N, C-alpha and C. Protein backbone atom coordinates (compact mmCIF):
# COMPACT_ATOMS: atom_id res chain seq x y z
N MET A 1 0.93 -1.30 -0.02
CA MET A 1 0.05 -0.11 0.08
C MET A 1 0.83 1.25 -0.07
N TYR A 2 2.04 1.22 0.65
CA TYR A 2 2.93 2.37 0.60
C TYR A 2 3.48 2.66 -0.63
N LEU A 3 3.66 1.61 -1.33
CA LEU A 3 4.25 1.86 -2.73
C LEU A 3 3.18 2.53 -3.69
N LEU A 4 1.90 1.97 -3.56
CA LEU A 4 0.84 2.35 -4.48
C LEU A 4 0.45 3.89 -4.00
N GLY A 5 0.53 4.17 -2.64
CA GLY A 5 0.32 5.52 -2.33
C GLY A 5 1.26 6.52 -2.74
N PHE A 6 2.75 6.05 -2.71
CA PHE A 6 3.70 6.86 -3.22
C PHE A 6 3.45 7.18 -4.77
N LEU A 7 3.24 6.20 -5.52
CA LEU A 7 3.04 6.29 -6.92
C LEU A 7 1.81 7.24 -7.12
N PHE A 8 0.82 7.07 -6.49
CA PHE A 8 -0.33 7.94 -6.67
C PHE A 8 -0.14 9.38 -6.47
N PHE A 9 0.53 9.71 -5.27
CA PHE A 9 0.77 11.04 -4.96
C PHE A 9 1.98 11.62 -5.73
N ALA A 10 2.93 10.85 -6.32
CA ALA A 10 3.97 11.36 -7.12
C ALA A 10 3.46 11.63 -8.50
N ILE A 11 2.76 10.80 -9.08
CA ILE A 11 2.08 11.01 -10.26
C ILE A 11 1.15 12.22 -10.30
N GLY A 12 0.26 12.20 -9.29
CA GLY A 12 -0.56 13.30 -9.14
C GLY A 12 0.12 14.66 -9.00
N TYR A 13 1.22 14.67 -8.28
CA TYR A 13 1.98 15.92 -8.19
C TYR A 13 2.41 16.48 -9.52
N TRP A 14 3.01 15.47 -10.32
CA TRP A 14 3.47 15.89 -11.69
C TRP A 14 2.33 16.30 -12.69
N ILE A 15 1.19 15.58 -12.57
CA ILE A 15 0.15 15.86 -13.43
C ILE A 15 -0.43 17.30 -13.00
N TYR A 16 -0.79 17.57 -11.68
CA TYR A 16 -1.43 18.85 -11.22
C TYR A 16 -0.32 19.91 -11.49
N LYS A 17 0.85 19.68 -11.40
CA LYS A 17 1.95 20.74 -11.66
C LYS A 17 1.78 21.07 -13.20
N PHE A 18 1.82 19.98 -14.05
CA PHE A 18 1.57 20.28 -15.42
C PHE A 18 0.35 21.10 -15.90
N LEU A 19 -0.78 20.66 -15.29
CA LEU A 19 -2.07 21.36 -15.48
C LEU A 19 -2.07 22.66 -14.95
N PHE A 20 -1.45 22.88 -13.71
CA PHE A 20 -1.32 24.34 -13.29
C PHE A 20 -0.54 25.35 -14.10
N ILE A 21 0.56 24.84 -14.64
CA ILE A 21 1.48 25.77 -15.32
C ILE A 21 1.11 25.78 -16.83
N ASP A 22 0.75 24.73 -17.47
CA ASP A 22 0.42 24.74 -18.80
C ASP A 22 -0.93 24.90 -19.23
N PHE A 23 -1.81 24.44 -18.46
CA PHE A 23 -3.36 24.34 -18.98
C PHE A 23 -4.26 25.31 -18.42
N HIS A 24 -4.01 25.58 -17.02
CA HIS A 24 -4.88 26.43 -16.30
C HIS A 24 -4.18 27.98 -16.22
N ARG A 25 -3.57 28.43 -17.16
CA ARG A 25 -2.87 29.61 -17.09
C ARG A 25 -3.99 30.69 -17.38
N LYS A 26 -4.91 30.59 -18.46
CA LYS A 26 -5.76 31.50 -18.68
C LYS A 26 -7.20 31.06 -18.45
N SER A 27 -8.00 31.99 -18.23
CA SER A 27 -9.46 31.65 -17.88
C SER A 27 -10.15 32.16 -19.21
N TRP A 28 -10.66 31.31 -20.01
CA TRP A 28 -11.42 31.74 -21.15
C TRP A 28 -12.82 32.17 -21.02
N ASN A 29 -13.57 31.78 -20.08
CA ASN A 29 -15.06 32.04 -20.01
C ASN A 29 -15.23 32.92 -18.71
N PHE A 30 -14.36 33.39 -17.99
CA PHE A 30 -14.57 34.16 -16.76
C PHE A 30 -14.54 35.57 -17.21
N THR A 31 -15.86 36.04 -17.52
CA THR A 31 -15.98 37.52 -17.98
C THR A 31 -17.00 37.99 -16.89
N GLU A 32 -17.41 39.21 -17.29
CA GLU A 32 -18.55 39.98 -16.54
C GLU A 32 -19.83 39.29 -16.61
N GLU A 33 -19.92 38.39 -17.63
CA GLU A 33 -21.35 37.74 -17.81
C GLU A 33 -21.73 36.77 -16.51
N ILE A 34 -20.79 36.22 -15.98
CA ILE A 34 -20.97 35.32 -14.94
C ILE A 34 -21.69 35.93 -13.66
N PRO A 35 -21.10 37.21 -13.15
CA PRO A 35 -21.87 37.86 -12.09
C PRO A 35 -23.22 38.34 -12.50
N PHE A 36 -23.36 38.98 -13.63
CA PHE A 36 -24.60 39.41 -14.12
C PHE A 36 -25.66 38.34 -14.18
N TYR A 37 -25.20 37.12 -14.75
CA TYR A 37 -26.18 35.94 -14.86
C TYR A 37 -26.52 35.51 -13.31
N ALA A 38 -25.57 35.49 -12.45
CA ALA A 38 -25.96 35.17 -11.07
C ALA A 38 -26.86 36.07 -10.40
N ILE A 39 -26.80 37.30 -10.67
CA ILE A 39 -27.69 38.42 -10.11
C ILE A 39 -28.90 38.19 -10.84
N SER A 40 -29.04 37.85 -12.06
CA SER A 40 -30.40 37.66 -12.60
C SER A 40 -31.18 36.34 -12.19
N MET A 41 -30.33 35.52 -11.79
CA MET A 41 -30.94 34.21 -11.26
C MET A 41 -31.39 34.44 -9.89
N MET A 42 -30.85 35.45 -8.98
CA MET A 42 -31.11 35.63 -7.63
C MET A 42 -32.61 36.12 -7.65
N LYS A 43 -33.20 36.66 -8.63
CA LYS A 43 -34.55 37.18 -8.59
C LYS A 43 -35.47 35.94 -8.45
N PHE A 44 -35.19 34.83 -9.29
CA PHE A 44 -35.87 33.78 -9.18
C PHE A 44 -35.78 32.95 -7.84
N GLY A 45 -34.65 32.98 -7.28
CA GLY A 45 -34.45 32.49 -5.92
C GLY A 45 -35.24 33.16 -4.88
N LEU A 46 -35.20 34.49 -5.21
CA LEU A 46 -36.09 35.41 -4.05
C LEU A 46 -37.63 34.91 -4.25
N LEU A 47 -38.09 34.70 -5.44
CA LEU A 47 -39.40 34.39 -5.77
C LEU A 47 -39.70 33.07 -5.13
N VAL A 48 -38.81 31.95 -5.30
CA VAL A 48 -38.96 30.70 -4.65
C VAL A 48 -39.06 30.73 -3.18
N HIS A 49 -38.19 31.59 -2.76
CA HIS A 49 -37.96 31.85 -1.17
C HIS A 49 -39.37 32.40 -0.66
N LEU A 50 -39.96 33.39 -1.23
CA LEU A 50 -41.19 34.00 -0.80
C LEU A 50 -42.38 32.93 -0.83
N VAL A 51 -42.24 32.17 -1.91
CA VAL A 51 -43.26 31.05 -1.93
C VAL A 51 -43.03 29.95 -0.78
N MET A 52 -41.80 29.73 -0.47
CA MET A 52 -41.67 28.86 0.59
C MET A 52 -41.93 29.35 2.05
N ILE A 53 -41.77 30.74 2.15
CA ILE A 53 -42.26 31.41 3.35
C ILE A 53 -43.64 31.18 3.63
N CYS A 54 -44.47 31.29 2.63
CA CYS A 54 -46.02 31.13 2.84
C CYS A 54 -46.30 29.64 3.29
N PHE A 55 -45.60 28.73 2.75
CA PHE A 55 -45.83 27.45 3.23
C PHE A 55 -45.18 27.05 4.63
N MET A 56 -44.06 27.84 4.86
CA MET A 56 -43.39 27.40 6.06
C MET A 56 -44.09 27.95 7.34
N TYR A 57 -44.45 29.22 7.23
CA TYR A 57 -45.05 29.84 8.28
C TYR A 57 -46.50 29.48 8.55
N THR A 58 -47.14 28.76 7.59
CA THR A 58 -48.55 28.36 7.77
C THR A 58 -48.67 26.92 8.00
N ASN A 59 -47.52 26.18 8.22
CA ASN A 59 -47.50 24.80 8.56
C ASN A 59 -47.70 24.59 9.98
N LYS A 60 -48.76 23.98 10.44
CA LYS A 60 -49.13 24.05 11.73
C LYS A 60 -48.29 22.79 12.38
N ARG A 61 -47.72 22.05 11.67
CA ARG A 61 -46.81 21.00 12.33
C ARG A 61 -45.49 21.63 12.64
N LEU A 62 -45.02 22.69 12.01
CA LEU A 62 -43.83 23.35 12.38
C LEU A 62 -43.89 24.27 13.64
N LEU A 63 -44.72 25.17 13.37
CA LEU A 63 -44.95 26.50 14.18
C LEU A 63 -46.27 26.28 14.83
N SER A 64 -46.49 25.59 15.77
CA SER A 64 -47.72 25.48 16.52
C SER A 64 -47.79 26.12 17.83
N PRO A 65 -48.84 26.89 17.93
CA PRO A 65 -49.11 27.41 19.38
C PRO A 65 -49.51 26.40 20.38
N THR A 66 -49.50 26.73 21.62
CA THR A 66 -49.86 25.75 22.60
C THR A 66 -51.43 25.50 22.66
N LEU A 67 -52.23 26.39 21.88
CA LEU A 67 -53.69 26.18 21.90
C LEU A 67 -54.10 24.97 20.94
N TYR A 68 -53.13 24.66 19.99
CA TYR A 68 -53.67 23.67 19.14
C TYR A 68 -53.92 22.26 19.82
N THR A 69 -54.70 21.45 19.35
CA THR A 69 -54.82 20.14 19.59
C THR A 69 -54.33 19.16 18.68
N PRO A 70 -54.19 17.99 19.05
CA PRO A 70 -53.68 17.04 17.94
C PRO A 70 -54.51 16.78 16.73
N THR A 71 -55.79 17.20 16.68
CA THR A 71 -56.52 17.07 15.61
C THR A 71 -56.09 18.36 14.65
N ASP A 72 -55.56 19.29 15.11
CA ASP A 72 -55.39 20.54 14.27
C ASP A 72 -54.03 20.19 13.46
N PHE A 73 -53.27 19.34 13.90
CA PHE A 73 -52.03 19.02 13.10
C PHE A 73 -52.52 18.02 12.03
N TYR A 74 -52.12 18.34 10.98
CA TYR A 74 -52.56 17.70 9.85
C TYR A 74 -51.30 17.50 8.70
N ARG A 75 -51.54 16.53 7.82
CA ARG A 75 -50.64 16.59 6.51
C ARG A 75 -51.44 16.87 5.41
N PRO A 76 -51.30 17.78 4.69
CA PRO A 76 -52.10 18.18 3.55
C PRO A 76 -52.35 16.94 2.65
N ARG A 77 -53.60 16.72 2.34
CA ARG A 77 -53.99 15.46 1.49
C ARG A 77 -54.27 16.17 0.04
N ALA A 78 -54.64 15.29 -0.85
CA ALA A 78 -55.07 15.66 -2.09
C ALA A 78 -56.41 16.14 -1.86
N GLU A 79 -56.69 17.51 -1.66
CA GLU A 79 -57.99 18.00 -1.61
C GLU A 79 -58.19 18.95 -2.54
N GLU A 80 -59.47 19.48 -2.55
CA GLU A 80 -59.71 20.60 -3.45
C GLU A 80 -58.82 21.81 -2.92
N PRO A 81 -58.35 22.70 -3.91
CA PRO A 81 -57.54 23.74 -3.58
C PRO A 81 -58.27 24.59 -2.58
N ARG A 82 -59.50 24.85 -2.69
CA ARG A 82 -60.21 25.84 -1.77
C ARG A 82 -60.17 25.22 -0.21
N ILE A 83 -60.41 23.91 -0.11
CA ILE A 83 -60.31 23.38 1.20
C ILE A 83 -58.88 23.44 1.85
N PHE A 84 -57.82 23.15 0.78
CA PHE A 84 -56.59 23.14 1.23
C PHE A 84 -56.01 24.55 1.72
N PHE A 85 -56.42 25.68 1.14
CA PHE A 85 -56.03 26.88 1.41
C PHE A 85 -56.85 27.39 2.70
N ASN A 86 -58.17 26.92 2.85
CA ASN A 86 -58.82 27.41 3.81
C ASN A 86 -58.33 26.75 5.37
N ARG A 87 -57.80 25.54 5.13
CA ARG A 87 -57.30 25.09 6.34
C ARG A 87 -56.02 25.56 6.70
N ARG A 88 -55.10 25.77 5.75
CA ARG A 88 -53.79 26.34 5.93
C ARG A 88 -53.71 27.74 6.36
N TYR A 89 -54.51 28.49 5.85
CA TYR A 89 -54.65 29.95 6.10
C TYR A 89 -55.87 30.22 7.06
N ASP A 90 -55.99 29.52 8.18
CA ASP A 90 -57.03 29.78 8.96
C ASP A 90 -56.88 30.74 10.14
N SER A 91 -55.53 31.06 10.40
CA SER A 91 -55.23 31.92 11.49
C SER A 91 -54.93 33.55 10.76
N VAL A 92 -55.01 34.50 11.74
CA VAL A 92 -54.60 35.75 11.13
C VAL A 92 -53.16 36.02 10.85
N ALA A 93 -52.25 35.25 11.74
CA ALA A 93 -50.84 35.29 11.25
C ALA A 93 -50.54 34.63 9.94
N ALA A 94 -51.04 33.56 9.64
CA ALA A 94 -50.91 32.85 8.45
C ALA A 94 -51.43 33.76 7.22
N LYS A 95 -52.48 34.50 7.47
CA LYS A 95 -52.96 35.17 6.42
C LYS A 95 -52.13 36.47 6.25
N VAL A 96 -51.54 36.96 7.41
CA VAL A 96 -50.63 38.14 7.15
C VAL A 96 -49.41 37.78 6.35
N VAL A 97 -48.92 36.69 6.75
CA VAL A 97 -47.65 36.19 5.98
C VAL A 97 -47.90 36.06 4.58
N ALA A 98 -48.99 35.36 4.17
CA ALA A 98 -49.42 35.23 2.91
C ALA A 98 -49.62 36.56 2.12
N LEU A 99 -50.31 37.36 2.75
CA LEU A 99 -50.59 38.74 2.16
C LEU A 99 -49.08 39.58 2.01
N ALA A 100 -48.28 39.44 2.97
CA ALA A 100 -47.03 40.12 2.93
C ALA A 100 -46.16 39.56 1.78
N ALA A 101 -46.19 38.13 1.54
CA ALA A 101 -45.36 37.48 0.43
C ALA A 101 -46.04 37.96 -0.96
N LEU A 102 -47.41 37.92 -0.98
CA LEU A 102 -47.88 38.20 -2.23
C LEU A 102 -47.88 39.68 -2.59
N SER A 103 -47.94 40.44 -1.61
CA SER A 103 -47.67 42.00 -1.79
C SER A 103 -46.25 42.26 -2.23
N LEU A 104 -45.22 41.69 -1.75
CA LEU A 104 -43.90 41.80 -2.19
C LEU A 104 -43.63 41.36 -3.66
N ILE A 105 -44.25 40.23 -3.96
CA ILE A 105 -44.16 39.54 -5.41
C ILE A 105 -44.93 40.63 -6.26
N ALA A 106 -46.12 41.05 -5.82
CA ALA A 106 -46.83 42.03 -6.84
C ALA A 106 -46.12 43.37 -6.97
N ALA A 107 -45.41 43.76 -5.80
CA ALA A 107 -44.67 45.02 -5.97
C ALA A 107 -43.53 45.04 -6.76
N TYR A 108 -42.76 43.81 -6.84
CA TYR A 108 -41.68 43.56 -7.80
C TYR A 108 -42.20 43.56 -9.18
N PHE A 109 -43.14 42.87 -9.45
CA PHE A 109 -43.74 42.80 -10.92
C PHE A 109 -44.21 44.12 -11.22
N LEU A 110 -44.84 44.93 -10.40
CA LEU A 110 -45.33 46.27 -10.76
C LEU A 110 -44.09 47.04 -11.15
N TYR A 111 -43.01 47.07 -10.25
CA TYR A 111 -41.90 47.91 -10.56
C TYR A 111 -41.10 47.44 -11.75
N ARG A 112 -41.10 46.14 -11.94
CA ARG A 112 -40.21 45.52 -13.10
C ARG A 112 -40.95 45.70 -14.36
N PHE A 113 -42.28 45.79 -14.52
CA PHE A 113 -42.98 45.75 -15.67
C PHE A 113 -43.47 47.05 -16.01
N CYS A 114 -43.69 47.89 -14.93
CA CYS A 114 -44.54 49.21 -15.18
C CYS A 114 -43.64 50.35 -14.99
N ILE A 115 -43.09 50.53 -13.71
CA ILE A 115 -42.33 51.64 -13.39
C ILE A 115 -40.94 51.65 -14.08
N GLU A 116 -40.26 50.66 -14.11
CA GLU A 116 -39.03 50.63 -14.83
C GLU A 116 -39.17 50.85 -16.42
N ASN A 117 -40.17 50.45 -16.94
CA ASN A 117 -40.41 50.66 -18.36
C ASN A 117 -40.85 52.14 -18.53
N CYS A 118 -41.55 52.71 -17.82
CA CYS A 118 -41.90 54.12 -17.82
C CYS A 118 -40.73 55.10 -17.50
N CYS A 119 -39.75 54.69 -16.74
CA CYS A 119 -38.58 55.48 -16.52
C CYS A 119 -37.67 55.34 -17.84
N ASP A 120 -37.62 54.08 -18.33
CA ASP A 120 -36.91 53.89 -19.52
C ASP A 120 -37.44 54.76 -20.69
N LEU A 121 -38.58 54.70 -20.86
CA LEU A 121 -39.35 55.58 -21.93
C LEU A 121 -39.06 57.08 -21.74
N TYR A 122 -39.06 57.44 -20.54
CA TYR A 122 -38.93 58.89 -20.16
C TYR A 122 -37.51 59.18 -20.46
N GLY A 123 -36.50 58.30 -20.06
CA GLY A 123 -35.08 58.65 -20.33
C GLY A 123 -34.79 58.63 -21.75
N ASN A 124 -35.41 57.84 -22.58
CA ASN A 124 -35.10 57.80 -24.13
C ASN A 124 -35.81 59.08 -24.55
N TYR A 125 -36.98 59.49 -24.09
CA TYR A 125 -37.61 60.86 -24.57
C TYR A 125 -36.65 61.97 -24.26
N GLN A 126 -36.11 62.03 -23.05
CA GLN A 126 -35.15 63.13 -22.71
C GLN A 126 -33.86 62.96 -23.55
N ALA A 127 -33.37 61.82 -23.83
CA ALA A 127 -32.20 61.83 -24.71
C ALA A 127 -32.59 62.27 -26.15
N LYS A 128 -33.60 61.81 -26.71
CA LYS A 128 -34.05 62.31 -28.02
C LYS A 128 -34.26 63.83 -27.99
N LYS A 129 -34.89 64.31 -26.80
CA LYS A 129 -35.00 65.84 -26.88
C LYS A 129 -33.71 66.59 -26.81
N ARG A 130 -32.55 66.08 -26.07
CA ARG A 130 -31.32 66.68 -25.82
C ARG A 130 -30.67 66.49 -27.44
N ALA A 131 -30.81 65.51 -28.07
CA ALA A 131 -30.20 65.26 -29.34
C ALA A 131 -30.89 66.32 -30.48
N ALA A 132 -32.22 66.47 -30.29
CA ALA A 132 -32.84 67.39 -31.19
C ALA A 132 -32.40 68.82 -30.89
N ASN A 133 -32.02 69.10 -29.56
CA ASN A 133 -31.65 70.48 -29.26
C ASN A 133 -30.25 70.80 -29.78
N LEU A 134 -29.29 69.67 -29.74
CA LEU A 134 -28.04 69.73 -30.27
C LEU A 134 -28.02 69.92 -31.84
N GLU A 135 -29.05 69.33 -32.44
CA GLU A 135 -29.04 69.33 -33.99
C GLU A 135 -29.50 70.80 -34.34
N ASP A 136 -30.41 71.36 -33.56
CA ASP A 136 -30.87 72.70 -33.99
C ASP A 136 -29.90 73.71 -33.73
N THR A 137 -28.81 73.66 -32.87
CA THR A 137 -27.91 74.70 -32.66
C THR A 137 -26.77 74.70 -33.58
């Protein structure tokens, strides 16, 4: 085993040295696109996180007050969606969490698709106006 270990580490040393010096000298694909792509994916992670908040804080088996009885603990079955949501969001705290998460999602979509586009249109209008003023002079 000592001989095999020695051969493994000796060969590995020379291979890693060769790869480090000759092969890994330049990074071909490490540009500014990677951080921008990661930032764009964080939006979807935030959306999934908000959806999971709605189910985490309204799960009676995880966060249960002392007033609940064993019949209140349930495992969601294949029910109608109306019955499922009525049972899950039966307390004020659960409804507040759901409302807060949904309002954050709605506020993001409002900003992303309405306000940001209006600001871009206004900026383009101002740029065209400045360009027209420069042409006139």
